[in-house]
Structure formats: C-alpha cells, structure tokens
Protein backbone atom coordinates (compact mmCIF):
# COMPACT_ATOMS: atom_id res chain seq x y z
CA MET A 1 -7.51 -8.75 8.79
CA THR A 2 -11.07 -9.52 9.73
CA GLY A 3 -14.38 -8.08 8.57
CA GLU A 4 -14.70 -5.65 5.70
CA PRO A 5 -11.36 -4.25 4.45
CA SER A 6 -10.75 -0.54 4.86
CA LEU A 7 -10.87 1.80 1.89
CA GLU A 8 -7.07 1.93 1.85
CA CYS A 9 -6.76 -1.87 1.83
CA ALA A 10 -9.36 -2.18 -0.93
CA HIS A 11 -7.52 0.44 -3.02
CA LEU A 12 -4.22 -1.39 -2.58
CA ALA A 13 -5.83 -4.70 -3.61
CA ARG A 14 -7.25 -3.13 -6.79
CA GLU A 15 -3.86 -1.69 -7.75
CA LEU A 16 -2.11 -5.00 -7.11
CA ALA A 17 -4.70 -6.84 -9.20
CA ALA A 18 -4.18 -4.34 -12.03
CA LEU A 19 -0.43 -4.93 -11.92
CA ARG A 20 -0.94 -8.68 -11.99
CA ALA A 21 -3.18 -8.27 -15.04
CA ALA A 22 -0.48 -6.17 -16.71
CA THR A 23 2.02 -9.01 -16.33
CA GLY A 24 -0.35 -11.42 -18.10
CA LEU A 25 0.46 -14.09 -15.52
CA SER A 26 -1.99 -16.41 -13.81
CA LEU A 27 -1.79 -16.94 -10.06
CA ALA A 28 0.26 -20.08 -10.66
CA GLY A 29 2.64 -18.18 -12.94
CA LEU A 30 2.90 -15.36 -10.42
CA ALA A 31 3.73 -17.81 -7.64
CA ALA A 32 6.41 -19.42 -9.81
CA ARG A 33 8.14 -16.07 -10.36
CA THR A 34 7.92 -14.63 -6.84
CA THR A 35 8.51 -15.69 -3.24
CA ALA A 36 4.78 -16.09 -2.42
CA SER A 37 2.53 -19.08 -3.02
CA LYS A 38 -0.57 -19.14 -5.20
CA SER A 39 -2.91 -19.14 -2.17
CA SER A 40 -1.03 -16.21 -0.62
CA TRP A 41 -1.37 -14.17 -3.82
CA GLN A 42 -5.08 -14.96 -3.86
CA ARG A 43 -5.43 -13.41 -0.39
CA TYR A 44 -3.25 -10.41 -1.26
CA LEU A 45 -5.13 -9.60 -4.48
CA GLY A 46 -8.48 -10.10 -2.74
CA GLY A 47 -7.67 -7.57 -0.01
CA VAL A 48 -7.74 -10.20 2.75
CA LEU A 49 -4.07 -9.68 3.66
CA ILE A 50 -1.52 -6.92 3.10
CA PRO A 51 1.59 -8.20 1.27
CA PRO A 52 5.07 -7.45 2.66
CA PRO A 53 7.04 -4.63 0.98
CA GLU A 54 9.45 -7.09 -0.65
CA LEU A 55 6.61 -8.86 -2.42
CA VAL A 56 5.18 -5.55 -3.67
CA GLY A 57 8.61 -4.81 -5.15
CA GLU A 58 8.69 -8.20 -6.88
CA LEU A 59 5.28 -7.63 -8.51
CA CYS A 60 6.26 -4.13 -9.62
CA ALA A 61 9.45 -5.52 -11.17
CA LEU A 62 7.46 -8.11 -13.14
CA ALA A 63 5.10 -5.39 -14.39
CA GLY A 64 7.89 -2.89 -15.11
CA GLU A 65 6.32 -0.41 -12.68
CA PRO A 66 8.36 1.82 -10.30
CA PRO A 67 7.54 0.55 -6.78
CA ALA A 68 7.37 3.88 -4.93
CA ARG A 69 3.65 4.55 -5.52
CA LEU A 70 2.57 1.00 -4.62
CA LEU A 71 4.75 1.03 -1.51
CA ALA A 72 3.11 4.29 -0.43
CA LEU A 73 -0.33 2.74 -0.92
CA ARG A 74 0.80 -0.25 1.12
CA GLU A 75 1.91 2.00 3.98
CA LEU A 76 -1.49 3.72 3.99
CA ALA A 77 -3.23 0.34 4.07
CA GLU A 78 -1.01 -0.81 6.93
CA LEU A 79 -1.77 2.36 8.90
CA SER A 80 -5.50 1.89 8.39
CA ARG A 81 -5.19 -1.68 9.67
CA ARG A 82 -3.28 -0.63 12.78
CA HIS A 83 -5.46 2.39 13.48
CA PRO A 84 -8.97 1.64 12.20
CA ARG A 85 -11.49 4.47 12.04
CA PRO A 86 -13.83 4.46 15.06
CA ALA A 87 -17.43 3.53 14.37
CA PRO A 88 -19.82 6.51 14.45
CA GLU A 89 -21.61 6.96 17.75
CA PRO A 90 -25.39 6.37 17.71
CA PRO A 91 -27.51 9.50 18.12
CA ALA A 92 -28.44 10.33 21.71
CA PRO A 93 -32.06 9.45 22.56
CA THR A 94 -34.43 12.40 22.85
CA ARG A 95 -35.50 12.98 26.43
CA ALA A 96 -39.24 13.06 26.94
CA ALA A 97 -40.63 16.18 28.59
CA THR A 98 -41.00 15.76 32.35
CA PRO A 99 -44.71 15.89 33.23
CA ALA A 100 -45.69 18.66 35.59
CA ALA A 101 -46.27 17.61 39.18
CA PRO A 102 -49.95 17.51 40.12
CA GLU A 103 -51.12 20.40 42.21
CA ILE A 104 -51.92 19.38 45.78
CA PRO A 105 -54.99 21.08 47.14
CA GLY A 106 -54.32 23.25 50.12
CA PRO A 107 -54.16 26.82 51.27
CA ARG A 108 -52.18 29.07 48.99
CA ARG A 109 -49.20 30.77 50.48
CA GLN A 110 -49.41 34.47 50.06
CA ALA A 111 -46.33 36.30 48.95
CA ALA A 112 -44.96 38.52 51.61
CA PRO A 113 -45.10 42.21 50.91
CA GLY A 114 -42.12 43.48 48.98
CA THR A 115 -41.24 40.07 47.50
CA GLY A 116 -42.65 40.70 44.02
CA ASN A 117 -39.16 41.37 42.67
CA ASP A 118 -37.97 38.07 44.07
CA ALA A 119 -40.68 36.17 42.17
CA SER A 120 -39.76 38.02 38.98
CA ALA A 121 -36.09 37.18 39.53
CA GLU A 122 -36.97 33.48 40.03
CA ALA A 123 -38.97 33.46 36.80
CA ALA A 124 -36.13 35.16 34.99
CA SER A 125 -33.65 32.60 36.30
CA ASP A 126 -35.78 29.84 34.72
CA THR A 127 -35.21 31.33 31.26
CA ALA A 128 -31.52 32.11 31.75
CA LEU A 129 -29.03 30.57 29.30
CA PRO A 130 -27.12 27.50 30.50
CA ALA A 131 -23.41 27.85 31.20
CA ASP A 132 -22.44 26.22 27.89
CA GLY A 133 -24.46 28.71 25.86
CA ALA A 134 -27.05 26.24 24.46
CA LEU A 135 -30.59 27.49 24.05
CA SER A 136 -33.14 25.17 25.63
CA ALA A 137 -36.38 24.46 23.81
CA PRO A 138 -39.68 24.88 25.70
CA PRO A 139 -40.62 21.69 27.56
CA GLY A 140 -42.87 19.39 25.55
CA SER A 141 -42.21 21.20 22.28
CA GLY A 142 -40.31 18.23 20.79
CA ARG A 143 -37.69 20.55 19.30
CA PRO A 144 -33.97 19.87 20.00
CA ALA A 145 -31.92 22.42 21.82
CA ARG A 146 -30.20 24.93 19.56
CA VAL A 147 -26.41 25.20 19.60
CA PRO A 148 -24.92 28.67 19.02
CA PHE A 149 -23.45 29.14 15.55
CA HIS A 150 -19.95 29.97 16.74
CA ARG A 151 -19.71 26.57 18.46
CA ARG A 152 -21.00 24.66 15.45
CA ARG A 153 -18.62 26.48 13.13
CA GLY A 154 -15.65 25.64 15.38
CA THR A 155 -16.56 21.94 15.36
CA VAL A 156 -16.95 21.85 11.57
CA LEU A 157 -13.65 23.65 11.01
CA THR A 158 -11.81 21.33 13.40
CA GLY A 159 -13.09 18.21 11.57
CA ALA A 160 -12.36 19.73 8.18
CA GLY A 161 -8.82 20.57 9.27
CA ALA A 162 -8.15 16.96 10.24
CA LEU A 163 -9.46 15.68 6.90
CA VAL A 164 -7.38 18.20 4.95
CA THR A 165 -4.23 17.21 6.89
CA ALA A 166 -4.80 13.51 6.20
CA ALA A 167 -5.45 14.20 2.51
CA MET A 168 -2.26 16.26 2.24
CA VAL A 169 -0.16 13.48 3.79
CA ALA A 170 -1.66 10.82 1.50
CA GLY A 171 -1.31 13.09 -1.54
CA ALA A 172 2.33 13.78 -0.78
CA LEU A 173 3.05 10.06 -0.57
CA LEU A 174 1.15 9.14 -3.73
CA LEU A 175 2.15 12.07 -5.92
CA GLY A 176 5.73 11.95 -4.74
CA GLY A 177 5.93 8.26 -5.55
CA ALA A 178 4.08 8.39 -8.88
CA ARG A 179 7.03 9.74 -10.84
CA GLU A 180 9.83 7.42 -11.82
CA GLU A 181 13.04 7.70 -9.82
CA PRO A 182 15.98 9.23 -11.73
CA ALA A 183 18.43 6.56 -12.82
CA ASP A 184 21.48 8.39 -11.43
CA GLU A 185 20.03 8.64 -7.91
CA GLY A 186 19.22 4.92 -7.68
CA LEU A 187 17.29 3.07 -4.99
CA TRP A 188 18.27 1.44 -1.74
CA PRO A 189 19.15 -2.16 -2.75
CA GLY A 190 18.43 -5.19 -0.64
CA CYS A 191 22.03 -6.40 -0.95
CA VAL A 192 25.46 -5.19 -2.10
CA GLY A 193 28.38 -7.16 -3.49
CA GLU A 194 28.99 -10.49 -1.75
CA GLN A 195 25.60 -10.23 -0.01
CA CYS A 196 23.90 -10.66 -3.41
CA ARG A 197 25.44 -14.03 -4.22
CA GLY A 198 22.70 -16.53 -5.09
CA LYS A 199 19.84 -14.04 -4.58
CA SER A 200 17.11 -12.83 -6.95
CA SER A 201 17.83 -9.52 -8.67
CA GLN A 202 14.13 -8.59 -8.65
CA ALA A 203 13.49 -9.40 -5.00
CA GLN A 204 16.58 -7.42 -3.91
CA GLY A 205 15.68 -4.37 -6.02
CA CYS A 206 18.72 -4.77 -8.27
CA GLY A 207 16.73 -5.34 -11.48
CA ILE A 208 14.07 -2.64 -11.26
CA PRO A 209 13.91 0.81 -12.91
CA GLY A 210 15.91 3.37 -10.97
CA SER A 211 18.57 0.94 -9.75
CA GLY A 212 21.01 1.95 -12.52
CA LEU A 213 20.99 -1.53 -14.09
CA ARG A 214 22.25 -1.98 -17.60
CA THR A 215 22.66 -4.70 -20.20
CA VAL A 216 26.38 -5.13 -20.85
CA ALA A 217 26.12 -7.87 -23.51
CA GLU A 218 23.33 -9.51 -25.53
CA GLN A 219 23.07 -12.25 -28.11
CA GLY A 220 20.14 -13.63 -30.10
CA PHE A 221 19.63 -17.31 -30.84
CA GLY A 222 17.12 -17.44 -33.67
CA GLY A 223 13.48 -16.46 -33.52
CA ARG A 224 12.70 -14.35 -30.48
CA THR A 225 15.09 -16.03 -28.03
CA ALA A 226 17.80 -13.75 -26.64
CA VAL A 227 20.22 -13.94 -23.70
CA GLU A 228 21.52 -10.88 -21.82
CA ILE A 229 24.23 -10.25 -19.23
CA ARG A 230 22.91 -7.70 -16.75
CA TYR A 231 24.78 -5.59 -14.17
CA SER A 232 23.56 -3.36 -11.33
CA PRO A 233 26.02 -0.68 -10.09
CA SER A 234 23.97 -0.09 -6.93
CA CYS A 235 24.13 -3.81 -6.03
CA ARG A 236 27.55 -4.40 -7.59
CA ALA A 237 26.30 -7.75 -8.92
CA SER A 238 25.67 -9.48 -12.26
CA TRP A 239 23.21 -12.01 -13.60
CA VAL A 240 21.96 -13.48 -16.90
CA ARG A 241 18.43 -13.56 -18.22
CA VAL A 242 16.81 -15.27 -21.20
CA ARG A 243 13.87 -13.86 -23.15
CA PHE A 244 11.35 -16.20 -24.83
CA GLY A 245 13.28 -19.39 -24.20
CA SER A 246 11.87 -22.88 -24.75
CA VAL A 247 10.71 -25.18 -21.98
CA GLY A 248 13.78 -27.11 -20.82
CA ASP A 249 16.32 -24.47 -21.88
CA ARG A 250 18.90 -23.49 -19.23
CA VAL A 251 20.86 -20.25 -18.86
CA GLU A 252 24.09 -19.94 -16.88
CA ILE A 253 26.37 -17.15 -15.68
CA THR A 254 29.98 -17.87 -14.74
CA GLY A 255 32.31 -15.41 -13.01
CA PRO A 256 36.09 -14.98 -13.27
CA GLY A 257 36.60 -17.43 -10.40
CA ARG A 258 34.52 -20.09 -12.20
CA GLU A 259 31.64 -19.65 -9.76
CA SER A 260 28.31 -20.02 -11.58
CA GLN A 261 24.56 -19.71 -11.20
CA SER A 262 21.84 -21.08 -13.48
CA ALA A 263 18.08 -21.08 -14.12
CA GLU A 264 15.88 -23.38 -16.21
CA VAL A 265 12.76 -22.58 -18.23
CA ALA A 266 10.33 -24.75 -16.29
CA ASP A 267 6.96 -24.11 -17.96
CA LYS A 268 5.08 -22.05 -20.52
CA TYR A 269 4.95 -19.06 -18.15
CA ASP A 270 8.75 -18.91 -18.01
CA ALA A 271 8.85 -19.26 -21.80
CA LEU A 272 6.52 -16.31 -22.35
CA ASP A 273 8.64 -13.79 -20.45
CA TYR A 274 12.08 -13.11 -18.98
CA LEU A 275 13.78 -15.68 -16.76
CA SER A 276 16.82 -14.61 -14.70
CA THR A 277 19.56 -16.55 -12.94
CA PRO A 278 20.49 -15.78 -9.34
CA MET A 279 23.19 -13.14 -9.01
CA LEU A 280 26.97 -13.30 -8.79
CA ALA A 281 28.95 -10.65 -6.92
CA GLY A 282 31.06 -8.33 -9.05
CA GLY A 283 31.17 -7.53 -12.74
CA PRO A 284 30.40 -6.52 -15.32
CA GLU A 285 33.79 -7.49 -16.79
CA GLY A 286 34.78 -11.14 -16.87
CA MET A 287 31.28 -12.62 -16.86
CA THR A 288 30.31 -15.46 -19.22
CA ALA A 289 26.72 -16.27 -20.26
CA CYS A 290 25.63 -19.60 -21.73
CA LEU A 291 22.39 -20.91 -23.19
CA VAL A 292 22.02 -24.69 -23.03
CA ARG A 293 19.20 -25.96 -25.22
CA ALA A 294 16.64 -28.44 -23.90
CA ASP A 295 18.06 -31.35 -25.87
CA GLY A 296 21.45 -30.80 -24.19
CA GLU A 297 23.38 -30.92 -27.46
CA GLU A 298 23.67 -27.19 -28.15
CA ARG A 299 25.63 -24.89 -25.82
CA HIS A 300 26.07 -21.25 -26.84
CA CYS A 301 28.28 -18.96 -24.74
CA PHE A 302 29.56 -15.38 -24.94
CA ARG A 303 31.40 -12.95 -22.62
CA SER A 304 30.75 -9.46 -21.33
C-alpha cells in the first residue's frame, strides 16, 4: 500500500496492535512464535501492509481471541485497498457574466405592425425554465443557479442509501463475528489427519477456541511448569505443549508407531508462555508426552 492508509486499514492495524499488546510479546517474541518476521510484523501493526488470513489466525490464537471478528476487519481492509474511495471532485468554477454587446449606432428597425405579440413571446422565451428544471439567476447577480428541491432530495436519498447499505454489510460482518463460535460447530481447519503431521496447531486452526480441542492428559513438574497432551477432533491430530518451562527444556510427543515431534524452550519469551510441539496425526489414545529438562539428566513421561 502507498500513501495514507484507508480508515479500514487503520482500524485493522489498531486491533492487531491491541492483540499483540494482550499477548505481552515484543516484536521479536511475536516473530519467534509465528510464521512472520519481526520486520513484517512491524509493517502489519503499523498499517503499511495487510497480513494474510493465516497470520491473523496465529495472532488471535496467541491472544486467546476468536478470529472471526479480526478476519472480517481484514476483509474490509482488503476491499478498501482494492477499491479505494474516489477523491472528491473540485467545485466547478463560477462563470463570469457575459458582458452585453455594445450597441452599434444606426437606424432603428421598426417593428412591423401586428408583431407586438412576437416580441412579447421572445421576451417570455428568455425567462423560460431550462429543460432540466434549474432556475437560472439573473446575469451578473453572482448568485448560483437554484436546483429544484425534488432533485436535491433524490440525490441526498441516493447517497444516504449507499452509505446505509455499506454500514449494514460491515455491521453484519463485525457483529456476526464478535461472538465466540460454539464448540460443537467447530471451525474449518487448515489440515485433517495425515495432512497435519509436522504442522503447527495454531497456524492450522486446530488449537484455537471453537475447534473442539481438549486436554486429554496433564502433569505438573514443580512450580508453575506443566505439560499437556492436546487433541483436536476437527483436525484429528494431537500435540504436546509445555507451560512456563525453563530455557533449554524440551517437550516431546510420541505416537503408537513411535513417530515423534518435539519443541525446545529457546528463550525467555518461550518460557513465559505456552510452547507447543508440531502435530502428530491421530489420537488421543496411545500418545506419550515427555519433558526433558535442560541439563539432560531428567526425563519425565506420561501417557494419554
């Protein structure tokens, strides 16, 4: 996008920035937990670019916010970018009154007898209304021509109707998306079953409210650290996440066929929040979760 962002794009940027603030993450932490870089997030949150829908879903998942409302705002911003409002036309210049032609001396032509009515008709034709119904102001008066009320009212009503229609469409999108989706209806996931292997549960919409996800097993490991086995019926996939781990800790999930996925707490941002492994297809039965401490000596495992 170039120039000043539209009102819709500016609104979307404000909402995205508010969600980022709700996560408590810096731009670097946000980049570490999503599929966008730090510089890309800076442009998205500043209203310079419109983020893709998948990235909006990732941010909503981090903030625990249902994505429907933000996705509706994104669609409005995208429409405003594709179809920008036309710039208002400058007012038409006022035409100066045409000076009267100088009278050329000479003999006056006398009106023929019986033509008095013709002269009156010619004078009357000069004051007749134009075909479009506008009333002309006297020449040199400096007053603009008057437009009949019924024409002005039709123009105002037409413009008001367009604004009301646009407001109704936007309101339906925003109000319809503001409420949280019922858990039993679910959302359209980005993958199902084998397609989810090795993918992020947040990016695929498997780990967000409304997807029917549930925690099938959980175990604490002293202090605030806890490990959970998670399962999404809509995605038919499982994964493990750790809450408040220590830098260097690693979590693993292993399926019945000994296939596994893992994730490591890389920095303080990972340690301050949830960190999830990539997904395995299937579950929730037969899944094993393990927490491997940073020193490598402690390995704690449990099953679903």
